[in-house]
Amino acid sequence: HYIQVSCSAAAIDKIISTIPEADRGTPEDRHHVLSFRHWADVNDERPELMAGQHRIEALRDYVRQTASDPGDLWWVCEFYDKGATP
């Protein structure tokens, strides 16, 4: 299950422009996942969490309880353009 977030299209374009073309996948590969782990280094805008708050908190709790690497705190997201009409 994806986490749904919203942000500006400009923020998405900005982060994608920092990903090497070889790591972007092909247009035919609709399920290719891009890593946005460096989002805060590229964008001042924070994505707004629209759905999935409970899964995020459960993941944080799991990492705390198991003393896992905080680098494991990631989830696959669907991004929605907050400037677009629903």
PDB file of N, CA and C in Angstrom:
ATOM      1  N   HIS A   1       0.843  -1.178   0.000  1.00  0.00           N
ATOM      2  CA  HIS A   1       0.000   0.000   0.000  1.00  0.00           C
ATOM      3  C   HIS A   1       0.883   1.234   0.000  1.00  0.00           C
ATOM      4  N   TYR A   2       0.585   2.103  -0.918  1.00  0.00           N
ATOM      5  CA  TYR A   2       1.359   3.336  -1.026  1.00  0.00           C
ATOM      6  C   TYR A   2       0.878   4.366  -0.009  1.00  0.00           C
ATOM      7  N   ILE A   3       1.799   5.234   0.381  1.00  0.00           N
ATOM      8  CA  ILE A   3       1.464   6.405   1.180  1.00  0.00           C
ATOM      9  C   ILE A   3       1.116   7.501   0.179  1.00  0.00           C
ATOM     10  N   GLN A   4       0.045   8.222   0.417  1.00  0.00           N
ATOM     11  CA  GLN A   4      -0.344   9.297  -0.498  1.00  0.00           C
ATOM     12  C   GLN A   4       0.110  10.634   0.062  1.00  0.00           C
ATOM     13  N   VAL A   5       0.849  11.369  -0.763  1.00  0.00           N
ATOM     14  CA  VAL A   5       1.342  12.686  -0.371  1.00  0.00           C
ATOM     15  C   VAL A   5       1.047  13.692  -1.467  1.00  0.00           C
ATOM     16  N   SER A   6       1.024  14.956  -1.075  1.00  0.00           N
ATOM     17  CA  SER A   6       0.794  16.020  -2.034  1.00  0.00           C
ATOM     18  C   SER A   6       1.888  17.053  -1.898  1.00  0.00           C
ATOM     19  N   CYS A   7       2.310  17.580  -3.043  1.00  0.00           N
ATOM     20  CA  CYS A   7       3.313  18.647  -3.091  1.00  0.00           C
ATOM     21  C   CYS A   7       3.212  19.299  -4.462  1.00  0.00           C
ATOM     22  N   SER A   8       3.987  20.319  -4.685  1.00  0.00           N
ATOM     23  CA  SER A   8       3.923  20.998  -5.976  1.00  0.00           C
ATOM     24  C   SER A   8       4.623  20.164  -7.052  1.00  0.00           C
ATOM     25  N   ALA A   9       4.148  20.329  -8.273  1.00  0.00           N
ATOM     26  CA  ALA A   9       4.786  19.653  -9.408  1.00  0.00           C
ATOM     27  C   ALA A   9       6.222  20.135  -9.565  1.00  0.00           C
ATOM     28  N   ALA A  10       6.464  21.402  -9.232  1.00  0.00           N
ATOM     29  CA  ALA A  10       7.822  21.958  -9.336  1.00  0.00           C
ATOM     30  C   ALA A  10       8.780  21.225  -8.399  1.00  0.00           C
ATOM     31  N   ALA A  11       8.326  20.858  -7.192  1.00  0.00           N
ATOM     32  CA  ALA A  11       9.178  20.132  -6.246  1.00  0.00           C
ATOM     33  C   ALA A  11       9.518  18.744  -6.787  1.00  0.00           C
ATOM     34  N   ILE A  12       8.554  18.092  -7.418  1.00  0.00           N
ATOM     35  CA  ILE A  12       8.805  16.771  -8.014  1.00  0.00           C
ATOM     36  C   ILE A  12       9.811  16.905  -9.153  1.00  0.00           C
ATOM     37  N   ASP A  13       9.593  17.886 -10.028  1.00  0.00           N
ATOM     38  CA  ASP A  13      10.519  18.101 -11.142  1.00  0.00           C
ATOM     39  C   ASP A  13      11.931  18.360 -10.632  1.00  0.00           C
ATOM     40  N   LYS A  14      12.035  19.132  -9.558  1.00  0.00           N
ATOM     41  CA  LYS A  14      13.341  19.489  -8.996  1.00  0.00           C
ATOM     42  C   LYS A  14      14.070  18.257  -8.470  1.00  0.00           C
ATOM     43  N   ILE A  15      13.365  17.393  -7.742  1.00  0.00           N
ATOM     44  CA  ILE A  15      14.013  16.203  -7.177  1.00  0.00           C
ATOM     45  C   ILE A  15      14.370  15.202  -8.275  1.00  0.00           C
ATOM     46  N   ILE A  16      13.490  15.046  -9.252  1.00  0.00           N
ATOM     47  CA  ILE A  16      13.766  14.110 -10.349  1.00  0.00           C
ATOM     48  C   ILE A  16      14.977  14.567 -11.161  1.00  0.00           C
ATOM     49  N   SER A  17      15.146  15.876 -11.297  1.00  0.00           N
ATOM     50  CA  SER A  17      16.283  16.383 -12.072  1.00  0.00           C
ATOM     51  C   SER A  17      17.621  16.040 -11.416  1.00  0.00           C
ATOM     52  N   THR A  18      17.615  15.699 -10.131  1.00  0.00           N
ATOM     53  CA  THR A  18      18.857  15.343  -9.436  1.00  0.00           C
ATOM     54  C   THR A  18      19.178  13.853  -9.521  1.00  0.00           C
ATOM     55  N   ILE A  19      18.242  13.068 -10.028  1.00  0.00           N
ATOM     56  CA  ILE A  19      18.437  11.616 -10.134  1.00  0.00           C
ATOM     57  C   ILE A  19      19.065  11.308 -11.483  1.00  0.00           C
ATOM     58  N   PRO A  20      20.179  10.578 -11.498  1.00  0.00           N
ATOM     59  CA  PRO A  20      20.806  10.246 -12.785  1.00  0.00           C
ATOM     60  C   PRO A  20      19.809   9.553 -13.720  1.00  0.00           C
ATOM     61  N   GLU A  21      19.889   9.893 -14.989  1.00  0.00           N
ATOM     62  CA  GLU A  21      18.941   9.356 -15.961  1.00  0.00           C
ATOM     63  C   GLU A  21      18.917   7.833 -15.972  1.00  0.00           C
ATOM     64  N   ALA A  22      20.055   7.217 -15.753  1.00  0.00           N
ATOM     65  CA  ALA A  22      20.133   5.751 -15.743  1.00  0.00           C
ATOM     66  C   ALA A  22      19.311   5.145 -14.610  1.00  0.00           C
ATOM     67  N   ASP A  23      19.076   5.903 -13.540  1.00  0.00           N
ATOM     68  CA  ASP A  23      18.315   5.408 -12.391  1.00  0.00           C
ATOM     69  C   ASP A  23      16.830   5.733 -12.460  1.00  0.00           C
ATOM     70  N   ARG A  24      16.399   6.398 -13.524  1.00  0.00           N
ATOM     71  CA  ARG A  24      15.000   6.820 -13.634  1.00  0.00           C
ATOM     72  C   ARG A  24      14.084   5.758 -14.238  1.00  0.00           C
ATOM     73  N   GLY A  25      14.645   4.704 -14.812  1.00  0.00           N
ATOM     74  CA  GLY A  25      13.812   3.689 -15.450  1.00  0.00           C
ATOM     75  C   GLY A  25      13.368   4.161 -16.828  1.00  0.00           C
ATOM     76  N   THR A  26      12.510   3.387 -17.452  1.00  0.00           N
ATOM     77  CA  THR A  26      12.014   3.737 -18.784  1.00  0.00           C
ATOM     78  C   THR A  26      10.553   4.146 -18.693  1.00  0.00           C
ATOM     79  N   PRO A  27      10.064   4.914 -19.666  1.00  0.00           N
ATOM     80  CA  PRO A  27       8.637   5.295 -19.636  1.00  0.00           C
ATOM     81  C   PRO A  27       7.694   4.087 -19.636  1.00  0.00           C
ATOM     82  N   GLU A  28       8.141   2.968 -20.201  1.00  0.00           N
ATOM     83  CA  GLU A  28       7.304   1.758 -20.244  1.00  0.00           C
ATOM     84  C   GLU A  28       7.220   1.069 -18.884  1.00  0.00           C
ATOM     85  N   ASP A  29       8.199   1.312 -18.023  1.00  0.00           N
ATOM     86  CA  ASP A  29       8.261   0.667 -16.709  1.00  0.00           C
ATOM     87  C   ASP A  29       7.502   1.520 -15.693  1.00  0.00           C
ATOM     88  N   ARG A  30       6.206   1.335 -15.610  1.00  0.00           N
ATOM     89  CA  ARG A  30       5.351   2.143 -14.742  1.00  0.00           C
ATOM     90  C   ARG A  30       5.547   1.841 -13.262  1.00  0.00           C
ATOM     91  N   HIS A  31       6.223   0.750 -12.943  1.00  0.00           N
ATOM     92  CA  HIS A  31       6.384   0.357 -11.547  1.00  0.00           C
ATOM     93  C   HIS A  31       7.794   0.626 -11.017  1.00  0.00           C
ATOM     94  N   HIS A  32       8.588   1.338 -11.797  1.00  0.00           N
ATOM     95  CA  HIS A  32       9.943   1.684 -11.355  1.00  0.00           C
ATOM     96  C   HIS A  32       9.835   2.682 -10.197  1.00  0.00           C
ATOM     97  N   VAL A  33      10.576   2.432  -9.131  1.00  0.00           N
ATOM     98  CA  VAL A  33      10.511   3.283  -7.942  1.00  0.00           C
ATOM     99  C   VAL A  33      11.758   4.170  -7.883  1.00  0.00           C
ATOM    100  N   LEU A  34      11.537   5.472  -7.779  1.00  0.00           N
ATOM    101  CA  LEU A  34      12.631   6.426  -7.653  1.00  0.00           C
ATOM    102  C   LEU A  34      12.889   6.695  -6.175  1.00  0.00           C
ATOM    103  N   SER A  35      14.134   6.904  -5.820  1.00  0.00           N
ATOM    104  CA  SER A  35      14.467   7.230  -4.442  1.00  0.00           C
ATOM    105  C   SER A  35      14.500   8.740  -4.264  1.00  0.00           C
ATOM    106  N   PHE A  36      13.690   9.215  -3.328  1.00  0.00           N
ATOM    107  CA  PHE A  36      13.657  10.640  -2.993  1.00  0.00           C
ATOM    108  C   PHE A  36      14.247  10.862  -1.602  1.00  0.00           C
ATOM    109  N   ARG A  37      15.140   9.985  -1.155  1.00  0.00           N
ATOM    110  CA  ARG A  37      15.709  10.081   0.189  1.00  0.00           C
ATOM    111  C   ARG A  37      16.414  11.410   0.433  1.00  0.00           C
ATOM    112  N   HIS A  38      16.878  12.050  -0.605  1.00  0.00           N
ATOM    113  CA  HIS A  38      17.593  13.319  -0.468  1.00  0.00           C
ATOM    114  C   HIS A  38      16.662  14.525  -0.683  1.00  0.00           C
ATOM    115  N   TRP A  39      15.365  14.320  -0.521  1.00  0.00           N
ATOM    116  CA  TRP A  39      14.354  15.368  -0.735  1.00  0.00           C
ATOM    117  C   TRP A  39      14.702  16.664   0.004  1.00  0.00           C
ATOM    118  N   ALA A  40      15.010  16.571   1.276  1.00  0.00           N
ATOM    119  CA  ALA A  40      15.270  17.767   2.099  1.00  0.00           C
ATOM    120  C   ALA A  40      16.518  18.515   1.651  1.00  0.00           C
ATOM    121  N   ASP A  41      17.444  17.840   0.998  1.00  0.00           N
ATOM    122  CA  ASP A  41      18.640  18.514   0.487  1.00  0.00           C
ATOM    123  C   ASP A  41      18.332  19.326  -0.765  1.00  0.00           C
ATOM    124  N   VAL A  42      17.243  18.985  -1.443  1.00  0.00           N
ATOM    125  CA  VAL A  42      16.907  19.594  -2.733  1.00  0.00           C
ATOM    126  C   VAL A  42      15.758  20.592  -2.623  1.00  0.00           C
ATOM    127  N   ASN A  43      14.775  20.287  -1.791  1.00  0.00           N
ATOM    128  CA  ASN A  43      13.557  21.093  -1.699  1.00  0.00           C
ATOM    129  C   ASN A  43      13.354  21.691  -0.311  1.00  0.00           C
ATOM    130  N   ASP A  44      12.848  22.911  -0.283  1.00  0.00           N
ATOM    131  CA  ASP A  44      12.438  23.528   0.981  1.00  0.00           C
ATOM    132  C   ASP A  44      11.015  23.101   1.332  1.00  0.00           C
ATOM    133  N   GLU A  45      10.266  22.702   0.345  1.00  0.00           N
ATOM    134  CA  GLU A  45       8.861  22.308   0.522  1.00  0.00           C
ATOM    135  C   GLU A  45       8.778  20.900   1.112  1.00  0.00           C
ATOM    136  N   ARG A  46       7.941  20.749   2.135  1.00  0.00           N
ATOM    137  CA  ARG A  46       7.699  19.418   2.702  1.00  0.00           C
ATOM    138  C   ARG A  46       6.425  18.850   2.087  1.00  0.00           C
ATOM    139  N   PRO A  47       6.453  17.596   1.628  1.00  0.00           N
ATOM    140  CA  PRO A  47       5.230  16.980   1.124  1.00  0.00           C
ATOM    141  C   PRO A  47       4.202  16.851   2.251  1.00  0.00           C
ATOM    142  N   GLU A  48       2.940  17.013   1.896  1.00  0.00           N
ATOM    143  CA  GLU A  48       1.861  16.864   2.876  1.00  0.00           C
ATOM    144  C   GLU A  48       1.340  15.434   2.821  1.00  0.00           C
ATOM    145  N   LEU A  49       1.326  14.779   3.968  1.00  0.00           N
ATOM    146  CA  LEU A  49       0.835  13.410   4.065  1.00  0.00           C
ATOM    147  C   LEU A  49      -0.682  13.423   3.990  1.00  0.00           C
ATOM    148  N   MET A  50      -1.241  12.769   2.973  1.00  0.00           N
ATOM    149  CA  MET A  50      -2.688  12.757   2.767  1.00  0.00           C
ATOM    150  C   MET A  50      -3.336  11.502   3.346  1.00  0.00           C
ATOM    151  N   ALA A  51      -2.648  10.376   3.230  1.00  0.00           N
ATOM    152  CA  ALA A  51      -3.176   9.105   3.733  1.00  0.00           C
ATOM    153  C   ALA A  51      -1.997   8.201   4.069  1.00  0.00           C
ATOM    154  N   GLY A  52      -2.109   7.477   5.156  1.00  0.00           N
ATOM    155  CA  GLY A  52      -1.066   6.551   5.553  1.00  0.00           C
ATOM    156  C   GLY A  52      -0.403   6.899   6.864  1.00  0.00           C
ATOM    157  N   GLN A  53      -0.980   7.845   7.604  1.00  0.00           N
ATOM    158  CA  GLN A  53      -0.383   8.271   8.873  1.00  0.00           C
ATOM    159  C   GLN A  53      -0.163   7.102   9.836  1.00  0.00           C
ATOM    160  N   HIS A  54      -1.127   6.191   9.905  1.00  0.00           N
ATOM    161  CA  HIS A  54      -1.011   5.064  10.841  1.00  0.00           C
ATOM    162  C   HIS A  54       0.128   4.130  10.441  1.00  0.00           C
ATOM    163  N   ARG A  55       0.328   3.920   9.148  1.00  0.00           N
ATOM    164  CA  ARG A  55       1.417   3.054   8.693  1.00  0.00           C
ATOM    165  C   ARG A  55       2.776   3.686   8.999  1.00  0.00           C
ATOM    166  N   ILE A  56       2.871   4.992   8.827  1.00  0.00           N
ATOM    167  CA  ILE A  56       4.125   5.692   9.132  1.00  0.00           C
ATOM    168  C   ILE A  56       4.450   5.564  10.617  1.00  0.00           C
ATOM    169  N   GLU A  57       3.460   5.797  11.477  1.00  0.00           N
ATOM    170  CA  GLU A  57       3.691   5.693  12.926  1.00  0.00           C
ATOM    171  C   GLU A  57       4.020   4.262  13.330  1.00  0.00           C
ATOM    172  N   ALA A  58       3.372   3.278  12.718  1.00  0.00           N
ATOM    173  CA  ALA A  58       3.672   1.873  13.020  1.00  0.00           C
ATOM    174  C   ALA A  58       5.111   1.542  12.613  1.00  0.00           C
ATOM    175  N   LEU A  59       5.564   2.075  11.490  1.00  0.00           N
ATOM    176  CA  LEU A  59       6.936   1.842  11.048  1.00  0.00           C
ATOM    177  C   LEU A  59       7.928   2.487  12.010  1.00  0.00           C
ATOM    178  N   ARG A  60       7.646   3.708  12.435  1.00  0.00           N
ATOM    179  CA  ARG A  60       8.519   4.379  13.415  1.00  0.00           C
ATOM    180  C   ARG A  60       8.596   3.569  14.711  1.00  0.00           C
ATOM    181  N   ASP A  61       7.457   3.080  15.164  1.00  0.00           N
ATOM    182  CA  ASP A  61       7.409   2.286  16.388  1.00  0.00           C
ATOM    183  C   ASP A  61       8.202   0.988  16.215  1.00  0.00           C
ATOM    184  N   TYR A  62       8.040   0.336  15.076  1.00  0.00           N
ATOM    185  CA  TYR A  62       8.765  -0.902  14.798  1.00  0.00           C
ATOM    186  C   TYR A  62      10.278  -0.667  14.834  1.00  0.00           C
ATOM    187  N   VAL A  63      10.729   0.409  14.198  1.00  0.00           N
ATOM    188  CA  VAL A  63      12.160   0.714  14.172  1.00  0.00           C
ATOM    189  C   VAL A  63      12.679   0.970  15.586  1.00  0.00           C
ATOM    190  N   ARG A  64      11.889   1.674  16.397  1.00  0.00           N
ATOM    191  CA  ARG A  64      12.288   1.920  17.797  1.00  0.00           C
ATOM    192  C   ARG A  64      12.374   0.610  18.586  1.00  0.00           C
ATOM    193  N   GLN A  65      11.348  -0.212  18.473  1.00  0.00           N
ATOM    194  CA  GLN A  65      11.289  -1.450  19.262  1.00  0.00           C
ATOM    195  C   GLN A  65      12.370  -2.446  18.878  1.00  0.00           C
ATOM    196  N   THR A  66      12.737  -2.468  17.628  1.00  0.00           N
ATOM    197  CA  THR A  66      13.725  -3.435  17.166  1.00  0.00           C
ATOM    198  C   THR A  66      15.129  -2.851  17.090  1.00  0.00           C
ATOM    199  N   ALA A  67      15.262  -1.587  17.473  1.00  0.00           N
ATOM    200  CA  ALA A  67      16.551  -0.882  17.385  1.00  0.00           C
ATOM    201  C   ALA A  67      17.125  -0.980  15.977  1.00  0.00           C
ATOM    202  N   SER A  68      16.249  -0.909  15.000  1.00  0.00           N
ATOM    203  CA  SER A  68      16.664  -0.967  13.602  1.00  0.00           C
ATOM    204  C   SER A  68      17.315   0.337  13.179  1.00  0.00           C
ATOM    205  N   ASP A  69      17.904   0.299  12.029  1.00  0.00           N
ATOM    206  CA  ASP A  69      18.549   1.473  11.448  1.00  0.00           C
ATOM    207  C   ASP A  69      17.476   2.496  11.066  1.00  0.00           C
ATOM    208  N   PRO A  70      17.585   3.745  11.521  1.00  0.00           N
ATOM    209  CA  PRO A  70      16.609   4.768  11.132  1.00  0.00           C
ATOM    210  C   PRO A  70      16.551   4.973   9.615  1.00  0.00           C
ATOM    211  N   GLY A  71      17.567   4.513   8.907  1.00  0.00           N
ATOM    212  CA  GLY A  71      17.543   4.554   7.440  1.00  0.00           C
ATOM    213  C   GLY A  71      16.479   3.647   6.851  1.00  0.00           C
ATOM    214  N   ASP A  72      15.916   2.778   7.698  1.00  0.00           N
ATOM    215  CA  ASP A  72      14.837   1.893   7.259  1.00  0.00           C
ATOM    216  C   ASP A  72      13.483   2.587   7.263  1.00  0.00           C
ATOM    217  N   LEU A  73      13.459   3.850   7.676  1.00  0.00           N
ATOM    218  CA  LEU A  73      12.197   4.603   7.727  1.00  0.00           C
ATOM    219  C   LEU A  73      11.877   5.186   6.346  1.00  0.00           C
ATOM    220  N   TRP A  74      11.391   4.351   5.461  1.00  0.00           N
ATOM    221  CA  TRP A  74      10.979   4.817   4.143  1.00  0.00           C
ATOM    222  C   TRP A  74       9.739   4.043   3.719  1.00  0.00           C
ATOM    223  N   TRP A  75       9.018   4.604   2.781  1.00  0.00           N
ATOM    224  CA  TRP A  75       7.815   3.969   2.274  1.00  0.00           C
ATOM    225  C   TRP A  75       7.617   4.420   0.830  1.00  0.00           C
ATOM    226  N   VAL A  76       7.030   3.575   0.020  1.00  0.00           N
ATOM    227  CA  VAL A  76       6.726   3.943  -1.363  1.00  0.00           C
ATOM    228  C   VAL A  76       5.515   4.873  -1.358  1.00  0.00           C
ATOM    229  N   CYS A  77       5.625   5.981  -2.092  1.00  0.00           N
ATOM    230  CA  CYS A  77       4.574   7.007  -2.078  1.00  0.00           C
ATOM    231  C   CYS A  77       3.992   7.249  -3.465  1.00  0.00           C
ATOM    232  N   GLU A  78       2.750   7.643  -3.475  1.00  0.00           N
ATOM    233  CA  GLU A  78       2.108   8.190  -4.673  1.00  0.00           C
ATOM    234  C   GLU A  78       2.054   9.690  -4.448  1.00  0.00           C
ATOM    235  N   PHE A  79       2.552  10.461  -5.405  1.00  0.00           N
ATOM    236  CA  PHE A  79       2.565  11.914  -5.270  1.00  0.00           C
ATOM    237  C   PHE A  79       1.428  12.525  -6.069  1.00  0.00           C
ATOM    238  N   TYR A  80       0.773  13.489  -5.467  1.00  0.00           N
ATOM    239  CA  TYR A  80      -0.304  14.231  -6.116  1.00  0.00           C
ATOM    240  C   TYR A  80       0.073  15.707  -6.151  1.00  0.00           C
ATOM    241  N   ASP A  81      -0.225  16.343  -7.267  1.00  0.00           N
ATOM    242  CA  ASP A  81       0.093  17.753  -7.447  1.00  0.00           C
ATOM    243  C   ASP A  81      -0.930  18.598  -6.699  1.00  0.00           C
ATOM    244  N   LYS A  82      -0.467  19.288  -5.647  1.00  0.00           N
ATOM    245  CA  LYS A  82      -1.407  20.060  -4.851  1.00  0.00           C
ATOM    246  C   LYS A  82      -1.891  21.306  -5.581  1.00  0.00           C
ATOM    247  N   GLY A  83      -1.285  21.626  -6.714  1.00  0.00           N
ATOM    248  CA  GLY A  83      -1.739  22.753  -7.510  1.00  0.00           C
ATOM    249  C   GLY A  83      -2.788  22.376  -8.539  1.00  0.00           C
ATOM    250  N   ALA A  84      -3.071  21.091  -8.674  1.00  0.00           N
ATOM    251  CA  ALA A  84      -4.030  20.610  -9.676  1.00  0.00           C
ATOM    252  C   ALA A  84      -5.424  20.484  -9.042  1.00  0.00           C
ATOM    253  N   THR A  85      -6.419  20.633  -9.858  1.00  0.00           N
ATOM    254  CA  THR A  85      -7.794  20.457  -9.412  1.00  0.00           C
ATOM    255  C   THR A  85      -8.071  18.982  -9.219  1.00  0.00           C
ATOM    256  N   PRO A  86      -8.720  18.601  -8.115  1.00  0.00           N
ATOM    257  CA  PRO A  86      -8.985  17.174  -7.855  1.00  0.00           C
ATOM    258  C   PRO A  86      -9.888  16.544  -8.905  1.00  0.00           C
TER     259      PRO A  86
END
